[in-house]
Amino acid sequence: MQDSAERSDQPRGLFVTGRGFVLPAAIWTLYFAAVYSVQGAGCSVPLEEEAAGGSEPLEAILLALTLAAIAGIGAVAVGSYRTWRRLGGEADRDVRFERATFLSQGALLNALLFLVATIWIGLPVLLFDPCLGHTLW
């Protein structure tokens, strides 16, 4: 009976496992590949219709991908922060809670790192024409 009570007391959730630590990197990797694939395909065959608001469809697609990646990585950051704060006082209790606190804090820092990387890559979408380099060659 004590064994089942011990198992129910374990820290649970995405952010106390290695999956929560790796998730921001996976989101960023998919975002990176998608942005450069869409940009390359969109600039090789120009889209001639304009979207609402006067911006080109390629810019709108790249902006949507950027915002989706920021939202996903931001959600991981918020979830890992909440888990870290919830487990903070219990870290002295058991080795399992110390590990869970470490992993949730690491997931938070990893998410913040990849959030900065996503913004850094997404910033040229707002500042420059995506096909500008293709016209220079």
N, C-alpha and C. Protein backbone atom coordinates (compact mmCIF):
# COMPACT_ATOMS: atom_id res chain seq x y z
N MET A 1 0.82 -1.19 0.00
CA MET A 1 0.00 0.00 0.00
C MET A 1 0.86 1.26 0.00
N GLN A 2 1.96 1.20 0.72
CA GLN A 2 2.85 2.36 0.78
C GLN A 2 3.50 2.61 -0.57
N ASP A 3 3.73 1.56 -1.35
CA ASP A 3 4.36 1.70 -2.66
C ASP A 3 3.47 2.51 -3.60
N SER A 4 2.15 2.26 -3.58
CA SER A 4 1.25 3.02 -4.45
C SER A 4 1.13 4.47 -3.98
N ALA A 5 1.18 4.71 -2.68
CA ALA A 5 1.14 6.08 -2.17
C ALA A 5 2.41 6.81 -2.55
N GLU A 6 3.52 6.10 -2.55
CA GLU A 6 4.79 6.70 -2.94
C GLU A 6 4.79 7.09 -4.42
N ARG A 7 4.20 6.24 -5.27
CA ARG A 7 4.15 6.53 -6.69
C ARG A 7 3.23 7.71 -7.00
N SER A 8 2.13 7.85 -6.25
CA SER A 8 1.22 8.95 -6.51
C SER A 8 1.80 10.28 -6.05
N ASP A 9 2.80 10.25 -5.19
CA ASP A 9 3.42 11.46 -4.68
C ASP A 9 4.54 11.96 -5.59
N GLN A 10 4.86 11.22 -6.63
CA GLN A 10 5.95 11.61 -7.52
C GLN A 10 5.55 12.82 -8.34
N PRO A 11 6.53 13.69 -8.65
CA PRO A 11 6.23 14.82 -9.53
C PRO A 11 5.90 14.33 -10.93
N ARG A 12 4.86 14.89 -11.53
CA ARG A 12 4.42 14.43 -12.84
C ARG A 12 4.28 15.60 -13.78
N GLY A 13 4.21 15.29 -15.05
CA GLY A 13 3.96 16.30 -16.06
C GLY A 13 5.07 16.35 -17.08
N LEU A 14 4.79 17.10 -18.13
CA LEU A 14 5.73 17.22 -19.24
C LEU A 14 7.02 17.90 -18.84
N PHE A 15 6.95 18.86 -17.94
CA PHE A 15 8.09 19.70 -17.66
C PHE A 15 9.03 19.14 -16.60
N VAL A 16 8.73 17.98 -16.07
CA VAL A 16 9.64 17.32 -15.14
C VAL A 16 10.29 16.10 -15.80
N THR A 17 10.20 16.03 -17.12
CA THR A 17 10.83 14.95 -17.87
C THR A 17 11.76 15.55 -18.91
N GLY A 18 12.51 14.71 -19.56
CA GLY A 18 13.39 15.17 -20.62
C GLY A 18 12.64 15.68 -21.83
N ARG A 19 11.39 15.24 -22.01
CA ARG A 19 10.59 15.71 -23.15
C ARG A 19 10.34 17.20 -23.07
N GLY A 20 10.07 17.71 -21.88
CA GLY A 20 9.86 19.15 -21.72
C GLY A 20 11.13 19.93 -21.99
N PHE A 21 12.27 19.31 -21.74
CA PHE A 21 13.56 19.96 -22.00
C PHE A 21 13.86 20.04 -23.49
N VAL A 22 13.44 19.02 -24.23
CA VAL A 22 13.75 18.92 -25.66
C VAL A 22 12.69 19.59 -26.53
N LEU A 23 11.49 19.78 -26.03
CA LEU A 23 10.40 20.31 -26.83
C LEU A 23 10.68 21.68 -27.47
N PRO A 24 11.25 22.67 -26.77
CA PRO A 24 11.55 23.94 -27.44
C PRO A 24 12.53 23.78 -28.60
N ALA A 25 13.51 22.91 -28.45
CA ALA A 25 14.46 22.68 -29.54
C ALA A 25 13.77 22.04 -30.73
N ALA A 26 12.85 21.12 -30.49
CA ALA A 26 12.11 20.48 -31.58
C ALA A 26 11.22 21.49 -32.30
N ILE A 27 10.54 22.34 -31.55
CA ILE A 27 9.69 23.37 -32.16
C ILE A 27 10.54 24.31 -33.00
N TRP A 28 11.66 24.75 -32.47
CA TRP A 28 12.54 25.67 -33.20
C TRP A 28 13.10 25.01 -34.46
N THR A 29 13.47 23.75 -34.38
CA THR A 29 14.01 23.05 -35.54
C THR A 29 12.97 22.96 -36.66
N LEU A 30 11.76 22.60 -36.29
CA LEU A 30 10.69 22.54 -37.30
C LEU A 30 10.39 23.93 -37.87
N TYR A 31 10.41 24.94 -37.02
CA TYR A 31 10.19 26.32 -37.47
C TYR A 31 11.29 26.75 -38.43
N PHE A 32 12.53 26.47 -38.08
CA PHE A 32 13.67 26.86 -38.91
C PHE A 32 13.57 26.23 -40.29
N ALA A 33 13.31 24.94 -40.33
CA ALA A 33 13.19 24.24 -41.61
C ALA A 33 12.00 24.75 -42.41
N ALA A 34 10.88 24.99 -41.74
CA ALA A 34 9.68 25.46 -42.45
C ALA A 34 9.87 26.86 -43.01
N VAL A 35 10.46 27.76 -42.23
CA VAL A 35 10.62 29.14 -42.68
C VAL A 35 11.52 29.20 -43.91
N TYR A 36 12.64 28.51 -43.88
CA TYR A 36 13.55 28.58 -45.01
C TYR A 36 13.03 27.80 -46.21
N SER A 37 12.27 26.75 -45.99
CA SER A 37 11.67 26.02 -47.11
C SER A 37 10.58 26.86 -47.78
N VAL A 38 9.72 27.46 -46.97
CA VAL A 38 8.65 28.30 -47.52
C VAL A 38 9.23 29.53 -48.21
N GLN A 39 10.25 30.11 -47.62
CA GLN A 39 10.87 31.31 -48.21
C GLN A 39 11.51 30.96 -49.55
N GLY A 40 12.21 29.86 -49.61
CA GLY A 40 12.85 29.44 -50.86
C GLY A 40 11.83 29.11 -51.94
N ALA A 41 10.79 28.39 -51.57
CA ALA A 41 9.76 28.04 -52.54
C ALA A 41 8.97 29.27 -52.96
N GLY A 42 8.68 30.15 -52.03
CA GLY A 42 7.91 31.35 -52.34
C GLY A 42 8.66 32.33 -53.21
N CYS A 43 9.97 32.37 -53.09
CA CYS A 43 10.75 33.30 -53.90
C CYS A 43 11.10 32.72 -55.27
N SER A 44 11.07 31.41 -55.40
CA SER A 44 11.36 30.83 -56.71
C SER A 44 10.17 30.98 -57.65
N VAL A 45 8.97 30.90 -57.11
CA VAL A 45 7.74 31.13 -57.87
C VAL A 45 6.98 32.23 -57.15
N PRO A 46 7.12 33.47 -57.58
CA PRO A 46 6.51 34.57 -56.85
C PRO A 46 4.98 34.48 -56.80
N LEU A 47 4.44 34.78 -55.66
CA LEU A 47 3.00 34.82 -55.48
C LEU A 47 2.54 36.24 -55.85
N GLU A 48 1.60 36.34 -56.74
CA GLU A 48 1.25 37.65 -57.27
C GLU A 48 0.08 38.30 -56.55
N GLU A 49 -0.75 37.55 -55.89
CA GLU A 49 -1.89 38.14 -55.20
C GLU A 49 -1.43 38.77 -53.89
N GLU A 50 -2.07 39.87 -53.53
CA GLU A 50 -1.74 40.50 -52.26
C GLU A 50 -2.78 40.10 -51.23
N ALA A 51 -2.33 39.93 -50.00
CA ALA A 51 -3.23 39.58 -48.92
C ALA A 51 -3.89 40.84 -48.38
N ALA A 52 -4.84 40.66 -47.48
CA ALA A 52 -5.51 41.81 -46.88
C ALA A 52 -4.51 42.65 -46.11
N GLY A 53 -4.64 43.95 -46.20
CA GLY A 53 -3.72 44.84 -45.50
C GLY A 53 -2.54 45.26 -46.34
N GLY A 54 -2.44 44.79 -47.56
CA GLY A 54 -1.39 45.23 -48.46
C GLY A 54 -0.09 44.45 -48.36
N SER A 55 0.04 43.50 -47.45
CA SER A 55 1.28 42.74 -47.37
C SER A 55 1.21 41.55 -48.32
N GLU A 56 2.34 41.10 -48.72
CA GLU A 56 2.38 39.97 -49.64
C GLU A 56 2.07 38.67 -48.91
N PRO A 57 1.54 37.67 -49.62
CA PRO A 57 1.19 36.40 -48.97
C PRO A 57 2.40 35.69 -48.36
N LEU A 58 3.55 35.78 -48.99
CA LEU A 58 4.74 35.12 -48.45
C LEU A 58 5.12 35.70 -47.09
N GLU A 59 5.07 37.01 -46.98
CA GLU A 59 5.38 37.64 -45.70
C GLU A 59 4.36 37.24 -44.64
N ALA A 60 3.09 37.14 -45.03
CA ALA A 60 2.05 36.74 -44.08
C ALA A 60 2.27 35.31 -43.61
N ILE A 61 2.64 34.42 -44.53
CA ILE A 61 2.89 33.03 -44.16
C ILE A 61 4.09 32.93 -43.22
N LEU A 62 5.16 33.64 -43.54
CA LEU A 62 6.36 33.61 -42.69
C LEU A 62 6.07 34.21 -41.31
N LEU A 63 5.28 35.26 -41.28
CA LEU A 63 4.92 35.87 -40.00
C LEU A 63 4.05 34.92 -39.18
N ALA A 64 3.12 34.23 -39.84
CA ALA A 64 2.28 33.26 -39.13
C ALA A 64 3.10 32.11 -38.56
N LEU A 65 4.07 31.61 -39.33
CA LEU A 65 4.96 30.56 -38.82
C LEU A 65 5.76 31.04 -37.62
N THR A 66 6.25 32.28 -37.71
CA THR A 66 7.03 32.84 -36.61
C THR A 66 6.18 32.98 -35.35
N LEU A 67 4.98 33.51 -35.50
CA LEU A 67 4.11 33.69 -34.34
C LEU A 67 3.67 32.35 -33.74
N ALA A 68 3.46 31.35 -34.58
CA ALA A 68 3.10 30.02 -34.08
C ALA A 68 4.25 29.41 -33.28
N ALA A 69 5.47 29.56 -33.77
CA ALA A 69 6.64 29.03 -33.05
C ALA A 69 6.84 29.78 -31.73
N ILE A 70 6.67 31.11 -31.76
CA ILE A 70 6.81 31.89 -30.52
C ILE A 70 5.75 31.47 -29.51
N ALA A 71 4.53 31.24 -29.97
CA ALA A 71 3.46 30.82 -29.07
C ALA A 71 3.75 29.44 -28.47
N GLY A 72 4.22 28.51 -29.29
CA GLY A 72 4.52 27.16 -28.79
C GLY A 72 5.66 27.16 -27.78
N ILE A 73 6.73 27.85 -28.11
CA ILE A 73 7.88 27.90 -27.20
C ILE A 73 7.53 28.70 -25.95
N GLY A 74 6.74 29.76 -26.12
CA GLY A 74 6.30 30.54 -24.96
C GLY A 74 5.42 29.72 -24.02
N ALA A 75 4.58 28.87 -24.58
CA ALA A 75 3.74 28.00 -23.75
C ALA A 75 4.59 27.02 -22.95
N VAL A 76 5.64 26.49 -23.56
CA VAL A 76 6.56 25.61 -22.83
C VAL A 76 7.26 26.38 -21.72
N ALA A 77 7.66 27.62 -22.00
CA ALA A 77 8.33 28.44 -20.99
C ALA A 77 7.40 28.71 -19.81
N VAL A 78 6.16 29.07 -20.09
CA VAL A 78 5.21 29.35 -19.01
C VAL A 78 4.91 28.09 -18.20
N GLY A 79 4.70 26.98 -18.88
CA GLY A 79 4.43 25.73 -18.18
C GLY A 79 5.59 25.27 -17.32
N SER A 80 6.80 25.39 -17.83
CA SER A 80 7.96 24.97 -17.04
C SER A 80 8.21 25.93 -15.89
N TYR A 81 7.91 27.22 -16.08
CA TYR A 81 8.05 28.18 -14.98
C TYR A 81 7.07 27.86 -13.86
N ARG A 82 5.84 27.58 -14.22
CA ARG A 82 4.83 27.23 -13.21
C ARG A 82 5.21 25.96 -12.47
N THR A 83 5.70 24.97 -13.21
CA THR A 83 6.12 23.72 -12.56
C THR A 83 7.30 23.96 -11.64
N TRP A 84 8.25 24.75 -12.07
CA TRP A 84 9.43 25.05 -11.26
C TRP A 84 9.03 25.76 -9.97
N ARG A 85 8.12 26.74 -10.06
CA ARG A 85 7.67 27.47 -8.87
C ARG A 85 6.88 26.56 -7.93
N ARG A 86 6.08 25.65 -8.52
CA ARG A 86 5.28 24.74 -7.70
C ARG A 86 6.17 23.75 -6.95
N LEU A 87 7.24 23.31 -7.59
CA LEU A 87 8.12 22.32 -6.97
C LEU A 87 9.23 22.93 -6.14
N GLY A 88 9.39 24.23 -6.17
CA GLY A 88 10.52 24.89 -5.52
C GLY A 88 10.67 24.58 -4.04
N GLY A 89 9.58 24.60 -3.30
CA GLY A 89 9.65 24.34 -1.87
C GLY A 89 9.81 22.89 -1.51
N GLU A 90 9.53 22.01 -2.45
CA GLU A 90 9.57 20.58 -2.17
C GLU A 90 10.88 19.93 -2.60
N ALA A 91 11.83 20.71 -3.09
CA ALA A 91 13.07 20.13 -3.60
C ALA A 91 13.89 19.49 -2.49
N ASP A 92 13.76 19.96 -1.28
CA ASP A 92 14.52 19.39 -0.17
C ASP A 92 13.93 18.07 0.32
N ARG A 93 12.75 17.75 -0.14
CA ARG A 93 12.03 16.59 0.37
C ARG A 93 12.59 15.26 -0.11
N ASP A 94 12.94 15.19 -1.39
CA ASP A 94 13.30 13.91 -1.97
C ASP A 94 14.15 14.15 -3.21
N VAL A 95 14.93 13.15 -3.57
CA VAL A 95 15.78 13.25 -4.75
C VAL A 95 14.92 13.40 -6.01
N ARG A 96 13.76 12.73 -6.06
CA ARG A 96 12.89 12.85 -7.22
C ARG A 96 12.43 14.29 -7.43
N PHE A 97 12.15 15.00 -6.34
CA PHE A 97 11.72 16.39 -6.45
C PHE A 97 12.89 17.30 -6.83
N GLU A 98 14.08 16.95 -6.36
CA GLU A 98 15.27 17.73 -6.78
C GLU A 98 15.49 17.59 -8.28
N ARG A 99 15.37 16.38 -8.80
CA ARG A 99 15.53 16.15 -10.23
C ARG A 99 14.44 16.86 -11.02
N ALA A 100 13.20 16.78 -10.55
CA ALA A 100 12.09 17.42 -11.24
C ALA A 100 12.26 18.94 -11.24
N THR A 101 12.74 19.50 -10.15
CA THR A 101 12.99 20.94 -10.09
C THR A 101 14.09 21.33 -11.05
N PHE A 102 15.15 20.53 -11.10
CA PHE A 102 16.25 20.80 -12.03
C PHE A 102 15.78 20.74 -13.48
N LEU A 103 15.00 19.71 -13.83
CA LEU A 103 14.53 19.56 -15.20
C LEU A 103 13.55 20.67 -15.59
N SER A 104 12.69 21.07 -14.67
CA SER A 104 11.75 22.15 -15.01
C SER A 104 12.49 23.48 -15.14
N GLN A 105 13.50 23.72 -14.32
CA GLN A 105 14.29 24.94 -14.46
C GLN A 105 15.10 24.90 -15.76
N GLY A 106 15.65 23.76 -16.08
CA GLY A 106 16.39 23.61 -17.33
C GLY A 106 15.48 23.78 -18.54
N ALA A 107 14.25 23.27 -18.47
CA ALA A 107 13.29 23.44 -19.56
C ALA A 107 12.93 24.91 -19.73
N LEU A 108 12.82 25.64 -18.63
CA LEU A 108 12.54 27.07 -18.70
C LEU A 108 13.68 27.82 -19.39
N LEU A 109 14.89 27.55 -18.98
CA LEU A 109 16.05 28.22 -19.58
C LEU A 109 16.21 27.84 -21.05
N ASN A 110 15.97 26.58 -21.36
CA ASN A 110 16.05 26.12 -22.75
C ASN A 110 14.97 26.79 -23.60
N ALA A 111 13.77 26.92 -23.05
CA ALA A 111 12.69 27.59 -23.79
C ALA A 111 13.02 29.05 -24.03
N LEU A 112 13.59 29.71 -23.04
CA LEU A 112 13.97 31.12 -23.22
C LEU A 112 15.06 31.27 -24.28
N LEU A 113 16.00 30.36 -24.29
CA LEU A 113 17.06 30.40 -25.30
C LEU A 113 16.49 30.25 -26.70
N PHE A 114 15.60 29.28 -26.90
CA PHE A 114 15.02 29.07 -28.22
C PHE A 114 13.98 30.13 -28.58
N LEU A 115 13.41 30.78 -27.58
CA LEU A 115 12.52 31.91 -27.85
C LEU A 115 13.31 33.07 -28.45
N VAL A 116 14.48 33.33 -27.88
CA VAL A 116 15.36 34.37 -28.42
C VAL A 116 15.81 33.99 -29.84
N ALA A 117 16.15 32.74 -30.05
CA ALA A 117 16.58 32.29 -31.38
C ALA A 117 15.45 32.43 -32.40
N THR A 118 14.23 32.14 -32.00
CA THR A 118 13.09 32.27 -32.90
C THR A 118 12.84 33.73 -33.26
N ILE A 119 12.91 34.60 -32.28
CA ILE A 119 12.73 36.03 -32.55
C ILE A 119 13.85 36.53 -33.44
N TRP A 120 15.06 36.08 -33.20
CA TRP A 120 16.21 36.51 -34.01
C TRP A 120 16.05 36.11 -35.48
N ILE A 121 15.55 34.92 -35.73
CA ILE A 121 15.35 34.46 -37.09
C ILE A 121 14.09 35.10 -37.69
N GLY A 122 13.08 35.34 -36.88
CA GLY A 122 11.85 35.92 -37.38
C GLY A 122 11.91 37.42 -37.59
N LEU A 123 12.87 38.09 -37.00
CA LEU A 123 12.97 39.55 -37.13
C LEU A 123 13.17 40.01 -38.56
N PRO A 124 13.99 39.37 -39.38
CA PRO A 124 14.11 39.80 -40.78
C PRO A 124 12.81 39.70 -41.58
N VAL A 125 11.88 38.85 -41.14
CA VAL A 125 10.58 38.76 -41.82
C VAL A 125 9.86 40.11 -41.72
N LEU A 126 10.00 40.76 -40.57
CA LEU A 126 9.36 42.06 -40.37
C LEU A 126 10.14 43.20 -40.99
N LEU A 127 11.45 43.06 -41.09
CA LEU A 127 12.28 44.18 -41.51
C LEU A 127 12.59 44.22 -43.00
N PHE A 128 12.68 43.08 -43.65
CA PHE A 128 13.14 43.03 -45.03
C PHE A 128 12.16 42.28 -45.92
N ASP A 129 12.29 42.50 -47.20
CA ASP A 129 11.55 41.74 -48.19
C ASP A 129 12.14 40.32 -48.23
N PRO A 130 11.34 39.27 -48.10
CA PRO A 130 11.89 37.92 -48.06
C PRO A 130 12.64 37.51 -49.32
N CYS A 131 12.30 38.10 -50.45
CA CYS A 131 12.93 37.72 -51.72
C CYS A 131 13.99 38.72 -52.15
N LEU A 132 14.44 39.57 -51.30
CA LEU A 132 15.41 40.60 -51.65
C LEU A 132 16.72 39.98 -52.12
N GLY A 133 17.19 38.95 -51.46
CA GLY A 133 18.44 38.30 -51.86
C GLY A 133 18.36 37.66 -53.21
N HIS A 134 17.18 37.19 -53.61
CA HIS A 134 17.02 36.57 -54.92
C HIS A 134 17.12 37.59 -56.05
N THR A 135 16.77 38.84 -55.76
CA THR A 135 16.85 39.86 -56.81
C THR A 135 18.24 40.41 -56.97
N LEU A 136 19.08 40.22 -55.96
CA LEU A 136 20.45 40.74 -56.04
C LEU A 136 21.37 39.86 -56.86
N TRP A 137 21.07 38.58 -56.98
CA TRP A 137 21.96 37.66 -57.68
C TRP A 137 21.69 37.72 -59.10
